[in-house]
Amino acid sequence: MGVLCVAVGLNGAVYSGYISSLQDLSPNFAGSLLGLSNTVATIPGFVAPVVTGSITDGNETVSAWRTVFLISLGTYLVTNIFYVVFISADIQPWNEQHPKNVPDQNYKPPSVILEQEEE
């Protein structure tokens, strides 16, 4: 029970870590990034039970459960190392929207089109 309490307590690091880094990467698209991140983060929610079931089906032994937890550990290590190596706090160039100020030669305001139709 104590380990569970500590684990949930340390969950606060998630909110001061990767979630705030989305705001650092792109203030204009932080909401979209969080939505995309949460979408990808839901994949383990439906993959883990399938993998666990296939490992422990008819084999509910300590060894089988050790394998399940080692897979979980490996997944956490790989994804966290990826985050630590590749994360940046710099605002990304795609954060700023640069409208193209090239006038369209074929554009006519609606009033001009209506005047041409009346003639």
N, C-alpha and C. Protein backbone atom coordinates (compact mmCIF):
# COMPACT_ATOMS: atom_id res chain seq x y z
N MET A 1 0.83 -1.19 0.00
CA MET A 1 0.00 0.00 0.00
C MET A 1 0.87 1.25 0.00
N GLY A 2 1.98 1.17 0.73
CA GLY A 2 2.89 2.31 0.79
C GLY A 2 3.49 2.64 -0.57
N VAL A 3 3.86 1.60 -1.33
CA VAL A 3 4.44 1.81 -2.66
C VAL A 3 3.42 2.48 -3.58
N LEU A 4 2.17 2.06 -3.48
CA LEU A 4 1.12 2.66 -4.30
C LEU A 4 0.95 4.14 -3.97
N CYS A 5 0.96 4.48 -2.69
CA CYS A 5 0.83 5.88 -2.27
C CYS A 5 1.99 6.72 -2.79
N VAL A 6 3.20 6.18 -2.71
CA VAL A 6 4.37 6.91 -3.20
C VAL A 6 4.27 7.08 -4.72
N ALA A 7 3.85 6.03 -5.42
CA ALA A 7 3.74 6.11 -6.88
C ALA A 7 2.72 7.16 -7.31
N VAL A 8 1.59 7.19 -6.66
CA VAL A 8 0.57 8.18 -6.99
C VAL A 8 1.05 9.58 -6.62
N GLY A 9 1.75 9.70 -5.50
CA GLY A 9 2.30 11.00 -5.10
C GLY A 9 3.32 11.52 -6.09
N LEU A 10 4.13 10.64 -6.63
CA LEU A 10 5.14 11.05 -7.60
C LEU A 10 4.53 11.35 -8.97
N ASN A 11 3.27 11.05 -9.14
CA ASN A 11 2.60 11.34 -10.40
C ASN A 11 2.57 12.85 -10.67
N GLY A 12 2.76 13.66 -9.64
CA GLY A 12 2.83 15.10 -9.82
C GLY A 12 3.97 15.51 -10.74
N ALA A 13 5.01 14.69 -10.80
CA ALA A 13 6.13 14.99 -11.70
C ALA A 13 5.68 14.96 -13.16
N VAL A 14 4.66 14.19 -13.44
CA VAL A 14 4.14 14.13 -14.81
C VAL A 14 3.63 15.50 -15.23
N TYR A 15 2.91 16.16 -14.35
CA TYR A 15 2.30 17.43 -14.70
C TYR A 15 3.30 18.57 -14.74
N SER A 16 4.39 18.47 -14.00
CA SER A 16 5.40 19.51 -14.07
C SER A 16 6.47 19.16 -15.10
N GLY A 17 6.37 18.00 -15.71
CA GLY A 17 7.35 17.55 -16.69
C GLY A 17 6.82 17.64 -18.09
N TYR A 18 6.34 16.52 -18.59
CA TYR A 18 6.03 16.48 -20.02
C TYR A 18 4.82 17.34 -20.39
N ILE A 19 3.85 17.49 -19.52
CA ILE A 19 2.68 18.29 -19.89
C ILE A 19 3.04 19.77 -20.02
N SER A 20 3.88 20.27 -19.11
CA SER A 20 4.29 21.67 -19.24
C SER A 20 5.25 21.87 -20.40
N SER A 21 5.96 20.82 -20.81
CA SER A 21 6.87 20.98 -21.95
C SER A 21 6.10 21.19 -23.25
N LEU A 22 4.88 20.73 -23.32
CA LEU A 22 4.07 20.99 -24.51
C LEU A 22 3.80 22.48 -24.66
N GLN A 23 3.59 23.16 -23.56
CA GLN A 23 3.40 24.61 -23.58
C GLN A 23 4.69 25.31 -24.00
N ASP A 24 5.84 24.76 -23.59
CA ASP A 24 7.12 25.33 -23.98
C ASP A 24 7.39 25.14 -25.47
N LEU A 25 7.03 24.00 -26.00
CA LEU A 25 7.29 23.70 -27.41
C LEU A 25 6.50 24.60 -28.35
N SER A 26 5.23 24.78 -28.04
CA SER A 26 4.37 25.52 -28.94
C SER A 26 3.19 26.11 -28.18
N PRO A 27 3.33 27.34 -27.71
CA PRO A 27 2.21 27.96 -26.99
C PRO A 27 0.94 28.07 -27.82
N ASN A 28 1.08 28.24 -29.12
CA ASN A 28 -0.10 28.38 -29.98
C ASN A 28 -0.82 27.06 -30.24
N PHE A 29 -0.11 25.95 -30.12
CA PHE A 29 -0.70 24.65 -30.42
C PHE A 29 -0.60 23.69 -29.25
N ALA A 30 -0.48 24.21 -28.04
CA ALA A 30 -0.32 23.35 -26.86
C ALA A 30 -1.54 22.44 -26.67
N GLY A 31 -2.71 22.94 -26.90
CA GLY A 31 -3.92 22.12 -26.75
C GLY A 31 -3.96 20.98 -27.76
N SER A 32 -3.60 21.28 -29.00
CA SER A 32 -3.57 20.23 -30.02
C SER A 32 -2.50 19.19 -29.71
N LEU A 33 -1.34 19.66 -29.24
CA LEU A 33 -0.27 18.72 -28.87
C LEU A 33 -0.69 17.83 -27.71
N LEU A 34 -1.38 18.41 -26.73
CA LEU A 34 -1.83 17.61 -25.60
C LEU A 34 -2.86 16.58 -26.05
N GLY A 35 -3.76 16.97 -26.93
CA GLY A 35 -4.73 16.02 -27.46
C GLY A 35 -4.07 14.88 -28.22
N LEU A 36 -3.09 15.21 -29.04
CA LEU A 36 -2.36 14.17 -29.78
C LEU A 36 -1.58 13.28 -28.82
N SER A 37 -0.94 13.89 -27.84
CA SER A 37 -0.17 13.13 -26.85
C SER A 37 -1.07 12.20 -26.05
N ASN A 38 -2.21 12.69 -25.63
CA ASN A 38 -3.14 11.84 -24.87
C ASN A 38 -3.72 10.72 -25.74
N THR A 39 -3.92 10.99 -27.01
CA THR A 39 -4.41 9.95 -27.91
C THR A 39 -3.41 8.81 -28.01
N VAL A 40 -2.14 9.15 -28.19
CA VAL A 40 -1.10 8.12 -28.25
C VAL A 40 -0.95 7.43 -26.90
N ALA A 41 -1.12 8.18 -25.82
CA ALA A 41 -0.94 7.61 -24.47
C ALA A 41 -2.05 6.63 -24.10
N THR A 42 -3.16 6.62 -24.82
CA THR A 42 -4.22 5.67 -24.51
C THR A 42 -3.96 4.28 -25.09
N ILE A 43 -3.03 4.18 -26.00
CA ILE A 43 -2.74 2.89 -26.64
C ILE A 43 -2.38 1.81 -25.61
N PRO A 44 -1.50 2.08 -24.64
CA PRO A 44 -1.21 1.04 -23.65
C PRO A 44 -2.43 0.61 -22.84
N GLY A 45 -3.43 1.46 -22.74
CA GLY A 45 -4.62 1.11 -21.99
C GLY A 45 -5.39 -0.06 -22.56
N PHE A 46 -5.32 -0.26 -23.87
CA PHE A 46 -6.00 -1.42 -24.45
C PHE A 46 -5.03 -2.49 -24.94
N VAL A 47 -3.75 -2.15 -25.09
CA VAL A 47 -2.76 -3.16 -25.48
C VAL A 47 -2.30 -3.97 -24.27
N ALA A 48 -2.11 -3.31 -23.13
CA ALA A 48 -1.59 -4.00 -21.93
C ALA A 48 -2.46 -5.17 -21.48
N PRO A 49 -3.79 -5.03 -21.41
CA PRO A 49 -4.58 -6.19 -21.00
C PRO A 49 -4.49 -7.37 -21.98
N VAL A 50 -4.38 -7.06 -23.26
CA VAL A 50 -4.26 -8.13 -24.26
C VAL A 50 -2.93 -8.86 -24.09
N VAL A 51 -1.85 -8.10 -23.94
CA VAL A 51 -0.53 -8.71 -23.77
C VAL A 51 -0.48 -9.49 -22.46
N THR A 52 -0.99 -8.89 -21.38
CA THR A 52 -0.99 -9.57 -20.08
C THR A 52 -1.80 -10.86 -20.15
N GLY A 53 -2.95 -10.80 -20.79
CA GLY A 53 -3.79 -11.99 -20.92
C GLY A 53 -3.11 -13.09 -21.71
N SER A 54 -2.41 -12.69 -22.77
CA SER A 54 -1.75 -13.72 -23.58
C SER A 54 -0.56 -14.34 -22.85
N ILE A 55 0.09 -13.59 -21.98
CA ILE A 55 1.22 -14.13 -21.23
C ILE A 55 0.75 -15.00 -20.07
N THR A 56 -0.30 -14.58 -19.38
CA THR A 56 -0.73 -15.29 -18.17
C THR A 56 -1.87 -16.28 -18.39
N ASP A 57 -2.39 -16.38 -19.61
CA ASP A 57 -3.51 -17.29 -19.86
C ASP A 57 -3.07 -18.74 -19.62
N GLY A 58 -3.63 -19.34 -18.59
CA GLY A 58 -3.29 -20.71 -18.23
C GLY A 58 -1.91 -20.85 -17.60
N ASN A 59 -1.30 -19.71 -17.28
CA ASN A 59 0.05 -19.72 -16.72
C ASN A 59 0.16 -18.63 -15.66
N GLU A 60 -0.68 -18.68 -14.65
CA GLU A 60 -0.69 -17.66 -13.61
C GLU A 60 0.41 -17.94 -12.59
N THR A 61 1.64 -17.83 -13.03
CA THR A 61 2.78 -18.09 -12.14
C THR A 61 3.53 -16.80 -11.88
N VAL A 62 4.39 -16.85 -10.90
CA VAL A 62 5.23 -15.69 -10.58
C VAL A 62 6.11 -15.35 -11.79
N SER A 63 6.58 -16.34 -12.47
CA SER A 63 7.43 -16.12 -13.64
C SER A 63 6.68 -15.38 -14.75
N ALA A 64 5.43 -15.75 -14.98
CA ALA A 64 4.63 -15.07 -16.00
C ALA A 64 4.39 -13.62 -15.63
N TRP A 65 4.06 -13.39 -14.36
CA TRP A 65 3.83 -12.02 -13.92
C TRP A 65 5.12 -11.22 -13.91
N ARG A 66 6.24 -11.85 -13.66
CA ARG A 66 7.53 -11.17 -13.73
C ARG A 66 7.76 -10.68 -15.16
N THR A 67 7.42 -11.51 -16.12
CA THR A 67 7.55 -11.12 -17.53
C THR A 67 6.68 -9.91 -17.84
N VAL A 68 5.46 -9.90 -17.35
CA VAL A 68 4.56 -8.77 -17.57
C VAL A 68 5.17 -7.49 -17.00
N PHE A 69 5.67 -7.55 -15.78
CA PHE A 69 6.24 -6.35 -15.16
C PHE A 69 7.55 -5.94 -15.82
N LEU A 70 8.33 -6.87 -16.32
CA LEU A 70 9.56 -6.52 -17.03
C LEU A 70 9.25 -5.84 -18.36
N ILE A 71 8.20 -6.28 -19.03
CA ILE A 71 7.78 -5.60 -20.26
C ILE A 71 7.35 -4.17 -19.94
N SER A 72 6.61 -4.01 -18.86
CA SER A 72 6.19 -2.67 -18.43
C SER A 72 7.40 -1.80 -18.11
N LEU A 73 8.35 -2.36 -17.38
CA LEU A 73 9.57 -1.64 -17.04
C LEU A 73 10.33 -1.23 -18.29
N GLY A 74 10.47 -2.15 -19.24
CA GLY A 74 11.17 -1.84 -20.48
C GLY A 74 10.50 -0.73 -21.26
N THR A 75 9.18 -0.77 -21.31
CA THR A 75 8.44 0.26 -22.02
C THR A 75 8.66 1.63 -21.38
N TYR A 76 8.58 1.69 -20.06
CA TYR A 76 8.82 2.95 -19.36
C TYR A 76 10.24 3.46 -19.59
N LEU A 77 11.22 2.58 -19.50
CA LEU A 77 12.61 3.00 -19.68
C LEU A 77 12.86 3.54 -21.08
N VAL A 78 12.41 2.82 -22.09
CA VAL A 78 12.65 3.25 -23.47
C VAL A 78 11.98 4.59 -23.76
N THR A 79 10.72 4.73 -23.37
CA THR A 79 10.01 5.98 -23.66
C THR A 79 10.56 7.15 -22.85
N ASN A 80 10.96 6.92 -21.62
CA ASN A 80 11.53 8.00 -20.82
C ASN A 80 12.90 8.41 -21.31
N ILE A 81 13.72 7.46 -21.72
CA ILE A 81 15.03 7.81 -22.29
C ILE A 81 14.84 8.60 -23.58
N PHE A 82 13.89 8.20 -24.41
CA PHE A 82 13.58 8.94 -25.63
C PHE A 82 13.20 10.38 -25.30
N TYR A 83 12.35 10.56 -24.29
CA TYR A 83 11.91 11.89 -23.88
C TYR A 83 13.10 12.73 -23.41
N VAL A 84 13.93 12.17 -22.55
CA VAL A 84 15.06 12.92 -21.98
C VAL A 84 16.06 13.30 -23.07
N VAL A 85 16.28 12.43 -24.04
CA VAL A 85 17.27 12.71 -25.08
C VAL A 85 16.75 13.73 -26.08
N PHE A 86 15.49 13.64 -26.47
CA PHE A 86 15.00 14.44 -27.58
C PHE A 86 14.15 15.65 -27.20
N ILE A 87 13.79 15.83 -25.95
CA ILE A 87 12.93 16.96 -25.59
C ILE A 87 13.72 18.27 -25.64
N SER A 88 13.04 19.31 -26.01
CA SER A 88 13.64 20.64 -26.07
C SER A 88 12.65 21.62 -25.47
N ALA A 89 13.17 22.65 -24.83
CA ALA A 89 12.29 23.67 -24.27
C ALA A 89 12.20 24.87 -25.20
N ASP A 90 12.78 24.75 -26.38
CA ASP A 90 12.75 25.85 -27.34
C ASP A 90 11.44 25.85 -28.10
N ILE A 91 10.93 27.05 -28.35
CA ILE A 91 9.72 27.17 -29.16
C ILE A 91 10.05 26.71 -30.57
N GLN A 92 9.23 25.86 -31.09
CA GLN A 92 9.47 25.27 -32.40
C GLN A 92 9.09 26.24 -33.52
N PRO A 93 9.78 26.16 -34.66
CA PRO A 93 9.51 27.10 -35.76
C PRO A 93 8.08 27.00 -36.30
N TRP A 94 7.45 25.84 -36.19
CA TRP A 94 6.10 25.70 -36.71
C TRP A 94 5.05 26.28 -35.77
N ASN A 95 5.49 26.86 -34.65
CA ASN A 95 4.55 27.47 -33.71
C ASN A 95 3.94 28.74 -34.30
N GLU A 96 4.73 29.50 -35.04
CA GLU A 96 4.25 30.77 -35.59
C GLU A 96 3.58 30.53 -36.93
N GLN A 97 2.45 31.17 -37.10
CA GLN A 97 1.75 31.07 -38.37
C GLN A 97 2.21 32.22 -39.25
N HIS A 98 2.67 31.89 -40.42
CA HIS A 98 3.13 32.91 -41.36
C HIS A 98 2.19 32.92 -42.55
N PRO A 99 1.22 33.83 -42.53
CA PRO A 99 0.30 33.86 -43.68
C PRO A 99 1.04 34.31 -44.93
N LYS A 100 0.64 33.76 -46.02
CA LYS A 100 1.25 34.14 -47.29
C LYS A 100 0.56 35.41 -47.77
N ASN A 101 1.35 36.45 -47.96
CA ASN A 101 0.82 37.74 -48.39
C ASN A 101 0.91 37.90 -49.90
N VAL A 102 0.68 36.83 -50.60
CA VAL A 102 0.72 36.87 -52.05
C VAL A 102 -0.70 37.12 -52.54
N PRO A 103 -0.92 38.24 -53.21
CA PRO A 103 -2.29 38.51 -53.66
C PRO A 103 -2.69 37.54 -54.77
N ASP A 104 -3.92 37.11 -54.71
CA ASP A 104 -4.47 36.21 -55.73
C ASP A 104 -4.95 37.07 -56.90
N GLN A 105 -4.37 36.84 -58.07
CA GLN A 105 -4.69 37.66 -59.24
C GLN A 105 -6.11 37.41 -59.73
N ASN A 106 -6.68 36.27 -59.39
CA ASN A 106 -8.03 35.94 -59.85
C ASN A 106 -9.11 36.35 -58.87
N TYR A 107 -8.72 36.89 -57.72
CA TYR A 107 -9.70 37.24 -56.70
C TYR A 107 -10.42 38.52 -57.07
N LYS A 108 -11.74 38.49 -56.95
CA LYS A 108 -12.55 39.69 -57.14
C LYS A 108 -13.50 39.77 -55.96
N PRO A 109 -13.62 40.93 -55.35
CA PRO A 109 -14.57 41.07 -54.24
C PRO A 109 -15.98 40.76 -54.72
N PRO A 110 -16.84 40.29 -53.83
CA PRO A 110 -18.23 39.94 -54.22
C PRO A 110 -18.98 41.08 -54.89
N SER A 111 -18.72 42.33 -54.49
CA SER A 111 -19.44 43.45 -55.08
C SER A 111 -19.09 43.60 -56.56
N VAL A 112 -17.86 43.35 -56.94
CA VAL A 112 -17.45 43.44 -58.34
C VAL A 112 -18.12 42.34 -59.16
N ILE A 113 -18.23 41.17 -58.60
CA ILE A 113 -18.87 40.05 -59.30
C ILE A 113 -20.34 40.36 -59.54
N LEU A 114 -21.02 40.92 -58.52
CA LEU A 114 -22.44 41.26 -58.68
C LEU A 114 -22.63 42.34 -59.72
N GLU A 115 -21.75 43.34 -59.77
CA GLU A 115 -21.87 44.41 -60.75
C GLU A 115 -21.69 43.86 -62.16
N GLN A 116 -20.77 42.90 -62.33
CA GLN A 116 -20.55 42.33 -63.65
C GLN A 116 -21.75 41.53 -64.12
N GLU A 117 -22.45 40.87 -63.20
CA GLU A 117 -23.62 40.07 -63.57
C GLU A 117 -24.79 40.95 -63.96
N GLU A 118 -24.89 42.15 -63.39
CA GLU A 118 -26.01 43.04 -63.68
C GLU A 118 -25.87 43.69 -65.05
N GLU A 119 -24.67 43.81 -65.54
CA GLU A 119 -24.45 44.50 -66.82
C GLU A 119 -24.89 43.72 -68.01
